[in-house]
């Protein structure tokens, strides 16, 4: 997966932000924590030293125990509501 820009991230429904300081969290790409400013800081200015962004198509394929869902955008909530319909 060759991510070259923030716009590439937004083409996916979810993104995992791996962060050494705050932990690894999946977000909906519409989450207010997923910003171009934060992306540029982590990926360009800090050159991925403290983490990186990994876009994903489907939240259900996350198998990493260190990944804890964002409490603001609740990426698992949509999936649960979707299954009830």
PDB file of N, CA and C in Angstrom:
ATOM      1  N   UNK A   1       0.853  -1.166   0.000  1.00  0.00           N
ATOM      2  CA  UNK A   1       0.000   0.000   0.000  1.00  0.00           C
ATOM      3  C   UNK A   1       0.903   1.235   0.000  1.00  0.00           C
ATOM      4  N   UNK A   2       0.800   2.007  -1.048  1.00  0.00           N
ATOM      5  CA  UNK A   2       1.675   3.160  -1.213  1.00  0.00           C
ATOM      6  C   UNK A   2       0.882   4.446  -0.995  1.00  0.00           C
ATOM      7  N   UNK A   3       0.902   4.948   0.225  1.00  0.00           N
ATOM      8  CA  UNK A   3       0.183   6.173   0.573  1.00  0.00           C
ATOM      9  C   UNK A   3       1.134   7.353   0.366  1.00  0.00           C
ATOM     10  N   UNK A   4       0.737   8.270  -0.508  1.00  0.00           N
ATOM     11  CA  UNK A   4       1.597   9.399  -0.809  1.00  0.00           C
ATOM     12  C   UNK A   4       1.056  10.719  -0.289  1.00  0.00           C
ATOM     13  N   UNK A   5      -0.223  10.750   0.070  1.00  0.00           N
ATOM     14  CA  UNK A   5      -0.801  12.018   0.501  1.00  0.00           C
ATOM     15  C   UNK A   5      -1.997  11.788   1.425  1.00  0.00           C
ATOM     16  N   UNK A   6      -2.409  12.859   2.065  1.00  0.00           N
ATOM     17  CA  UNK A   6      -3.592  12.809   2.916  1.00  0.00           C
ATOM     18  C   UNK A   6      -4.828  12.465   2.093  1.00  0.00           C
ATOM     19  N   UNK A   7      -4.885  12.952   0.867  1.00  0.00           N
ATOM     20  CA  UNK A   7      -6.019  12.646  -0.022  1.00  0.00           C
ATOM     21  C   UNK A   7      -6.146  11.139  -0.259  1.00  0.00           C
ATOM     22  N   UNK A   8      -5.022  10.435  -0.317  1.00  0.00           N
ATOM     23  CA  UNK A   8      -5.056   8.967  -0.465  1.00  0.00           C
ATOM     24  C   UNK A   8      -5.743   8.316   0.732  1.00  0.00           C
ATOM     25  N   UNK A   9      -5.488   8.833   1.922  1.00  0.00           N
ATOM     26  CA  UNK A   9      -6.105   8.316   3.144  1.00  0.00           C
ATOM     27  C   UNK A   9      -7.622   8.455   3.075  1.00  0.00           C
ATOM     28  N   UNK A  10      -8.084   9.592   2.599  1.00  0.00           N
ATOM     29  CA  UNK A  10      -9.520   9.883   2.581  1.00  0.00           C
ATOM     30  C   UNK A  10     -10.297   9.032   1.580  1.00  0.00           C
ATOM     31  N   UNK A  11      -9.618   8.293   0.736  1.00  0.00           N
ATOM     32  CA  UNK A  11     -10.282   7.393  -0.202  1.00  0.00           C
ATOM     33  C   UNK A  11     -10.767   6.112   0.492  1.00  0.00           C
ATOM     34  N   UNK A  12     -10.366   5.913   1.725  1.00  0.00           N
ATOM     35  CA  UNK A  12     -10.735   4.725   2.498  1.00  0.00           C
ATOM     36  C   UNK A  12     -11.761   5.095   3.565  1.00  0.00           C
ATOM     37  N   UNK A  13     -12.575   4.133   4.006  1.00  0.00           N
ATOM     38  CA  UNK A  13     -13.556   4.439   5.051  1.00  0.00           C
ATOM     39  C   UNK A  13     -12.943   4.541   6.453  1.00  0.00           C
ATOM     40  N   UNK A  14     -11.823   3.862   6.671  1.00  0.00           N
ATOM     41  CA  UNK A  14     -11.183   3.838   7.985  1.00  0.00           C
ATOM     42  C   UNK A  14      -9.687   4.058   7.843  1.00  0.00           C
ATOM     43  N   UNK A  15      -9.086   4.521   8.936  1.00  0.00           N
ATOM     44  CA  UNK A  15      -7.637   4.644   9.009  1.00  0.00           C
ATOM     45  C   UNK A  15      -7.216   4.286  10.436  1.00  0.00           C
ATOM     46  N   UNK A  16      -6.131   3.540  10.550  1.00  0.00           N
ATOM     47  CA  UNK A  16      -5.546   3.282  11.865  1.00  0.00           C
ATOM     48  C   UNK A  16      -4.402   4.271  12.014  1.00  0.00           C
ATOM     49  N   UNK A  17      -4.448   5.036  13.096  1.00  0.00           N
ATOM     50  CA  UNK A  17      -3.346   5.940  13.389  1.00  0.00           C
ATOM     51  C   UNK A  17      -2.497   5.249  14.446  1.00  0.00           C
ATOM     52  N   UNK A  18      -1.336   4.797  14.022  1.00  0.00           N
ATOM     53  CA  UNK A  18      -0.389   4.177  14.940  1.00  0.00           C
ATOM     54  C   UNK A  18       0.416   5.294  15.574  1.00  0.00           C
ATOM     55  N   UNK A  19       0.426   5.328  16.908  1.00  0.00           N
ATOM     56  CA  UNK A  19       1.068   6.427  17.623  1.00  0.00           C
ATOM     57  C   UNK A  19       1.734   5.881  18.874  1.00  0.00           C
ATOM     58  N   UNK A  20       3.033   6.085  18.982  1.00  0.00           N
ATOM     59  CA  UNK A  20       3.791   5.585  20.135  1.00  0.00           C
ATOM     60  C   UNK A  20       3.368   6.237  21.443  1.00  0.00           C
ATOM     61  N   UNK A  21       2.871   7.469  21.399  1.00  0.00           N
ATOM     62  CA  UNK A  21       2.514   8.202  22.613  1.00  0.00           C
ATOM     63  C   UNK A  21       1.082   7.940  23.069  1.00  0.00           C
ATOM     64  N   UNK A  22       0.130   7.948  22.151  1.00  0.00           N
ATOM     65  CA  UNK A  22      -1.282   7.848  22.538  1.00  0.00           C
ATOM     66  C   UNK A  22      -1.912   6.502  22.244  1.00  0.00           C
ATOM     67  N   UNK A  23      -1.190   5.615  21.617  1.00  0.00           N
ATOM     68  CA  UNK A  23      -1.724   4.297  21.299  1.00  0.00           C
ATOM     69  C   UNK A  23      -2.233   4.223  19.868  1.00  0.00           C
ATOM     70  N   UNK A  24      -2.579   3.036  19.475  1.00  0.00           N
ATOM     71  CA  UNK A  24      -3.008   2.763  18.106  1.00  0.00           C
ATOM     72  C   UNK A  24      -4.528   2.726  18.051  1.00  0.00           C
ATOM     73  N   UNK A  25      -5.082   3.605  17.208  1.00  0.00           N
ATOM     74  CA  UNK A  25      -6.535   3.740  17.187  1.00  0.00           C
ATOM     75  C   UNK A  25      -7.071   3.780  15.766  1.00  0.00           C
ATOM     76  N   UNK A  26      -8.065   2.952  15.480  1.00  0.00           N
ATOM     77  CA  UNK A  26      -8.754   3.090  14.201  1.00  0.00           C
ATOM     78  C   UNK A  26      -9.781   4.214  14.303  1.00  0.00           C
ATOM     79  N   UNK A  27      -9.947   4.924  13.213  1.00  0.00           N
ATOM     80  CA  UNK A  27     -10.897   6.037  13.123  1.00  0.00           C
ATOM     81  C   UNK A  27     -11.667   5.903  11.816  1.00  0.00           C
ATOM     82  N   UNK A  28     -12.856   6.452  11.787  1.00  0.00           N
ATOM     83  CA  UNK A  28     -13.511   6.703  10.513  1.00  0.00           C
ATOM     84  C   UNK A  28     -12.720   7.834   9.885  1.00  0.00           C
ATOM     85  N   UNK A  29     -12.568   7.844   8.588  1.00  0.00           N
ATOM     86  CA  UNK A  29     -11.800   8.928   7.972  1.00  0.00           C
ATOM     87  C   UNK A  29     -12.514  10.269   8.114  1.00  0.00           C
ATOM     88  N   UNK A  30     -13.775  10.248   8.499  1.00  0.00           N
ATOM     89  CA  UNK A  30     -14.514  11.489   8.742  1.00  0.00           C
ATOM     90  C   UNK A  30     -14.323  12.020  10.168  1.00  0.00           C
ATOM     91  N   UNK A  31     -13.599  11.307  11.014  1.00  0.00           N
ATOM     92  CA  UNK A  31     -13.371  11.709  12.405  1.00  0.00           C
ATOM     93  C   UNK A  31     -12.606  13.029  12.465  1.00  0.00           C
ATOM     94  N   UNK A  32     -12.930  13.855  13.435  1.00  0.00           N
ATOM     95  CA  UNK A  32     -12.257  15.147  13.571  1.00  0.00           C
ATOM     96  C   UNK A  32     -10.779  15.006  13.963  1.00  0.00           C
ATOM     97  N   UNK A  33     -10.360  13.831  14.418  1.00  0.00           N
ATOM     98  CA  UNK A  33      -8.946  13.598  14.728  1.00  0.00           C
ATOM     99  C   UNK A  33      -8.135  13.300  13.469  1.00  0.00           C
ATOM    100  N   UNK A  34      -8.797  12.953  12.394  1.00  0.00           N
ATOM    101  CA  UNK A  34      -8.120  12.649  11.133  1.00  0.00           C
ATOM    102  C   UNK A  34      -8.075  13.939  10.313  1.00  0.00           C
ATOM    103  N   UNK A  35      -6.973  14.659  10.461  1.00  0.00           N
ATOM    104  CA  UNK A  35      -6.834  15.945   9.774  1.00  0.00           C
ATOM    105  C   UNK A  35      -5.543  15.960   8.950  1.00  0.00           C
ATOM    106  N   UNK A  36      -5.544  16.807   7.960  1.00  0.00           N
ATOM    107  CA  UNK A  36      -4.349  16.937   7.128  1.00  0.00           C
ATOM    108  C   UNK A  36      -3.177  17.472   7.951  1.00  0.00           C
ATOM    109  N   UNK A  37      -3.468  18.371   8.877  1.00  0.00           N
ATOM    110  CA  UNK A  37      -2.415  18.913   9.742  1.00  0.00           C
ATOM    111  C   UNK A  37      -1.765  17.805  10.570  1.00  0.00           C
ATOM    112  N   UNK A  38      -2.573  16.953  11.203  1.00  0.00           N
ATOM    113  CA  UNK A  38      -2.034  15.848  12.002  1.00  0.00           C
ATOM    114  C   UNK A  38      -1.284  14.847  11.127  1.00  0.00           C
ATOM    115  N   UNK A  39      -1.835  14.577   9.950  1.00  0.00           N
ATOM    116  CA  UNK A  39      -1.174  13.665   9.005  1.00  0.00           C
ATOM    117  C   UNK A  39       0.205  14.207   8.626  1.00  0.00           C
ATOM    118  N   UNK A  40       0.262  15.481   8.250  1.00  0.00           N
ATOM    119  CA  UNK A  40       1.532  16.079   7.839  1.00  0.00           C
ATOM    120  C   UNK A  40       2.544  16.080   8.980  1.00  0.00           C
ATOM    121  N   UNK A  41       2.096  16.339  10.187  1.00  0.00           N
ATOM    122  CA  UNK A  41       2.991  16.326  11.342  1.00  0.00           C
ATOM    123  C   UNK A  41       3.593  14.938  11.548  1.00  0.00           C
ATOM    124  N   UNK A  42       2.756  13.937  11.559  1.00  0.00           N
ATOM    125  CA  UNK A  42       3.223  12.569  11.832  1.00  0.00           C
ATOM    126  C   UNK A  42       4.012  11.977  10.668  1.00  0.00           C
ATOM    127  N   UNK A  43       3.499  12.129   9.461  1.00  0.00           N
ATOM    128  CA  UNK A  43       4.067  11.432   8.313  1.00  0.00           C
ATOM    129  C   UNK A  43       5.212  12.201   7.633  1.00  0.00           C
ATOM    130  N   UNK A  44       5.129  13.516   7.594  1.00  0.00           N
ATOM    131  CA  UNK A  44       6.123  14.292   6.857  1.00  0.00           C
ATOM    132  C   UNK A  44       7.141  14.951   7.785  1.00  0.00           C
ATOM    133  N   UNK A  45       6.659  15.784   8.685  1.00  0.00           N
ATOM    134  CA  UNK A  45       7.573  16.532   9.558  1.00  0.00           C
ATOM    135  C   UNK A  45       8.348  15.591  10.485  1.00  0.00           C
ATOM    136  N   UNK A  46       7.636  14.674  11.147  1.00  0.00           N
ATOM    137  CA  UNK A  46       8.300  13.742  12.069  1.00  0.00           C
ATOM    138  C   UNK A  46       8.792  12.472  11.380  1.00  0.00           C
ATOM    139  N   UNK A  47       8.570  12.368  10.084  1.00  0.00           N
ATOM    140  CA  UNK A  47       9.058  11.256   9.260  1.00  0.00           C
ATOM    141  C   UNK A  47       8.734   9.881   9.848  1.00  0.00           C
ATOM    142  N   UNK A  48       7.521   9.748  10.363  1.00  0.00           N
ATOM    143  CA  UNK A  48       7.004   8.465  10.892  1.00  0.00           C
ATOM    144  C   UNK A  48       7.782   7.940  12.100  1.00  0.00           C
ATOM    145  N   UNK A  49       8.537   8.787  12.770  1.00  0.00           N
ATOM    146  CA  UNK A  49       9.339   8.341  13.912  1.00  0.00           C
ATOM    147  C   UNK A  49       8.472   7.878  15.081  1.00  0.00           C
ATOM    148  N   UNK A  50       7.321   8.506  15.287  1.00  0.00           N
ATOM    149  CA  UNK A  50       6.455   8.154  16.415  1.00  0.00           C
ATOM    150  C   UNK A  50       5.170   7.467  15.995  1.00  0.00           C
ATOM    151  N   UNK A  51       5.063   7.118  14.721  1.00  0.00           N
ATOM    152  CA  UNK A  51       3.867   6.435  14.255  1.00  0.00           C
ATOM    153  C   UNK A  51       3.561   6.753  12.810  1.00  0.00           C
ATOM    154  N   UNK A  52       2.424   6.247  12.364  1.00  0.00           N
ATOM    155  CA  UNK A  52       2.061   6.421  10.960  1.00  0.00           C
ATOM    156  C   UNK A  52       0.570   6.175  10.763  1.00  0.00           C
ATOM    157  N   UNK A  53       0.081   6.481   9.574  1.00  0.00           N
ATOM    158  CA  UNK A  53      -1.320   6.276   9.195  1.00  0.00           C
ATOM    159  C   UNK A  53      -1.402   5.066   8.270  1.00  0.00           C
ATOM    160  N   UNK A  54      -2.355   4.182   8.558  1.00  0.00           N
ATOM    161  CA  UNK A  54      -2.580   3.024   7.686  1.00  0.00           C
ATOM    162  C   UNK A  54      -4.064   2.955   7.336  1.00  0.00           C
ATOM    163  N   UNK A  55      -4.428   3.259   6.092  1.00  0.00           N
ATOM    164  CA  UNK A  55      -5.832   3.187   5.714  1.00  0.00           C
ATOM    165  C   UNK A  55      -6.281   1.730   5.590  1.00  0.00           C
ATOM    166  N   UNK A  56      -7.541   1.490   5.887  1.00  0.00           N
ATOM    167  CA  UNK A  56      -8.092   0.133   5.750  1.00  0.00           C
ATOM    168  C   UNK A  56      -9.500   0.215   5.168  1.00  0.00           C
ATOM    169  N   UNK A  57      -9.873  -0.817   4.457  1.00  0.00           N
ATOM    170  CA  UNK A  57     -11.202  -0.897   3.836  1.00  0.00           C
ATOM    171  C   UNK A  57     -12.263  -1.362   4.832  1.00  0.00           C
ATOM    172  N   UNK A  58     -11.886  -2.335   5.666  1.00  0.00           N
ATOM    173  CA  UNK A  58     -12.876  -2.996   6.502  1.00  0.00           C
ATOM    174  C   UNK A  58     -12.371  -3.117   7.931  1.00  0.00           C
ATOM    175  N   UNK A  59     -13.103  -2.554   8.843  1.00  0.00           N
ATOM    176  CA  UNK A  59     -12.706  -2.571  10.255  1.00  0.00           C
ATOM    177  C   UNK A  59     -12.601  -3.998  10.800  1.00  0.00           C
ATOM    178  N   UNK A  60     -13.406  -4.896  10.299  1.00  0.00           N
ATOM    179  CA  UNK A  60     -13.453  -6.265  10.835  1.00  0.00           C
ATOM    180  C   UNK A  60     -12.166  -7.048  10.619  1.00  0.00           C
ATOM    181  N   UNK A  61     -11.280  -6.585   9.748  1.00  0.00           N
ATOM    182  CA  UNK A  61     -10.047  -7.315   9.471  1.00  0.00           C
ATOM    183  C   UNK A  61      -8.887  -6.936  10.389  1.00  0.00           C
ATOM    184  N   UNK A  62      -9.134  -6.096  11.358  1.00  0.00           N
ATOM    185  CA  UNK A  62      -8.079  -5.715  12.296  1.00  0.00           C
ATOM    186  C   UNK A  62      -7.831  -6.876  13.255  1.00  0.00           C
ATOM    187  N   UNK A  63      -6.609  -7.325  13.288  1.00  0.00           N
ATOM    188  CA  UNK A  63      -6.243  -8.452  14.158  1.00  0.00           C
ATOM    189  C   UNK A  63      -5.162  -8.072  15.167  1.00  0.00           C
ATOM    190  N   UNK A  64      -4.895  -6.801  15.283  1.00  0.00           N
ATOM    191  CA  UNK A  64      -3.837  -6.308  16.162  1.00  0.00           C
ATOM    192  C   UNK A  64      -4.433  -5.963  17.528  1.00  0.00           C
ATOM    193  N   UNK A  65      -4.003  -6.652  18.567  1.00  0.00           N
ATOM    194  CA  UNK A  65      -4.551  -6.444  19.912  1.00  0.00           C
ATOM    195  C   UNK A  65      -4.200  -5.060  20.482  1.00  0.00           C
ATOM    196  N   UNK A  66      -3.199  -4.395  19.914  1.00  0.00           N
ATOM    197  CA  UNK A  66      -2.823  -3.069  20.419  1.00  0.00           C
ATOM    198  C   UNK A  66      -3.731  -1.966  19.872  1.00  0.00           C
ATOM    199  N   UNK A  67      -4.625  -2.303  18.983  1.00  0.00           N
ATOM    200  CA  UNK A  67      -5.512  -1.316  18.363  1.00  0.00           C
ATOM    201  C   UNK A  67      -6.814  -1.219  19.157  1.00  0.00           C
ATOM    202  N   UNK A  68      -7.101  -0.014  19.664  1.00  0.00           N
ATOM    203  CA  UNK A  68      -8.299   0.249  20.464  1.00  0.00           C
ATOM    204  C   UNK A  68      -9.113   1.329  19.759  1.00  0.00           C
ATOM    205  N   UNK A  69     -10.402   1.103  19.490  1.00  0.00           N
ATOM    206  CA  UNK A  69     -11.204   2.061  18.719  1.00  0.00           C
ATOM    207  C   UNK A  69     -11.248   3.463  19.315  1.00  0.00           C
ATOM    208  N   UNK A  70     -11.297   4.447  18.444  1.00  0.00           N
ATOM    209  CA  UNK A  70     -11.445   5.847  18.842  1.00  0.00           C
ATOM    210  C   UNK A  70     -12.749   6.001  19.619  1.00  0.00           C
ATOM    211  N   UNK A  71     -12.675   6.683  20.750  1.00  0.00           N
ATOM    212  CA  UNK A  71     -13.877   6.877  21.571  1.00  0.00           C
ATOM    213  C   UNK A  71     -14.760   8.003  21.034  1.00  0.00           C
ATOM    214  N   UNK A  72     -14.226   8.807  20.135  1.00  0.00           N
ATOM    215  CA  UNK A  72     -15.008   9.916  19.591  1.00  0.00           C
ATOM    216  C   UNK A  72     -15.854   9.477  18.394  1.00  0.00           C
ATOM    217  N   UNK A  73     -15.237   8.869  17.386  1.00  0.00           N
ATOM    218  CA  UNK A  73     -15.988   8.508  16.176  1.00  0.00           C
ATOM    219  C   UNK A  73     -16.577   7.096  16.243  1.00  0.00           C
ATOM    220  N   UNK A  74     -16.132   6.288  17.193  1.00  0.00           N
ATOM    221  CA  UNK A  74     -16.660   4.938  17.414  1.00  0.00           C
ATOM    222  C   UNK A  74     -16.787   4.146  16.116  1.00  0.00           C
ATOM    223  N   UNK A  75     -15.661   3.782  15.500  1.00  0.00           N
ATOM    224  CA  UNK A  75     -15.717   3.101  14.208  1.00  0.00           C
ATOM    225  C   UNK A  75     -16.417   1.746  14.237  1.00  0.00           C
ATOM    226  N   UNK A  76     -16.538   1.133  15.395  1.00  0.00           N
ATOM    227  CA  UNK A  76     -17.230  -0.161  15.473  1.00  0.00           C
ATOM    228  C   UNK A  76     -18.730   0.022  15.555  1.00  0.00           C
ATOM    229  N   UNK A  77     -19.207   1.187  15.959  1.00  0.00           N
ATOM    230  CA  UNK A  77     -20.636   1.413  16.146  1.00  0.00           C
ATOM    231  C   UNK A  77     -21.398   1.272  14.840  1.00  0.00           C
ATOM    232  N   UNK A  78     -20.887   1.821  13.735  1.00  0.00           N
ATOM    233  CA  UNK A  78     -21.567   1.731  12.454  1.00  0.00           C
ATOM    234  C   UNK A  78     -21.718   0.275  12.047  1.00  0.00           C
ATOM    235  N   UNK A  79     -20.679  -0.502  12.223  1.00  0.00           N
ATOM    236  CA  UNK A  79     -20.711  -1.909  11.856  1.00  0.00           C
ATOM    237  C   UNK A  79     -21.814  -2.626  12.623  1.00  0.00           C
ATOM    238  N   UNK A  80     -21.934  -2.377  13.914  1.00  0.00           N
ATOM    239  CA  UNK A  80     -22.952  -3.043  14.740  1.00  0.00           C
ATOM    240  C   UNK A  80     -24.354  -2.622  14.308  1.00  0.00           C
ATOM    241  N   UNK A  81     -24.556  -1.350  14.063  1.00  0.00           N
ATOM    242  CA  UNK A  81     -25.866  -0.878  13.620  1.00  0.00           C
ATOM    243  C   UNK A  81     -26.207  -1.471  12.261  1.00  0.00           C
ATOM    244  N   UNK A  82     -25.221  -1.577  11.412  1.00  0.00           N
ATOM    245  CA  UNK A  82     -25.430  -2.101  10.067  1.00  0.00           C
ATOM    246  C   UNK A  82     -25.920  -3.550  10.118  1.00  0.00           C
ATOM    247  N   UNK A  83     -25.365  -4.334  11.020  1.00  0.00           N
ATOM    248  CA  UNK A  83     -25.745  -5.739  11.114  1.00  0.00           C
ATOM    249  C   UNK A  83     -27.173  -5.930  11.629  1.00  0.00           C
ATOM    250  N   UNK A  84     -27.694  -4.976  12.382  1.00  0.00           N
ATOM    251  CA  UNK A  84     -29.044  -5.085  12.919  1.00  0.00           C
ATOM    252  C   UNK A  84     -30.113  -4.866  11.841  1.00  0.00           C
ATOM    253  N   UNK A  85     -29.767  -4.161  10.797  1.00  0.00           N
ATOM    254  CA  UNK A  85     -30.756  -3.796   9.763  1.00  0.00           C
ATOM    255  C   UNK A  85     -31.136  -4.987   8.934  1.00  0.00           C
TER     256      UNK A  85
END
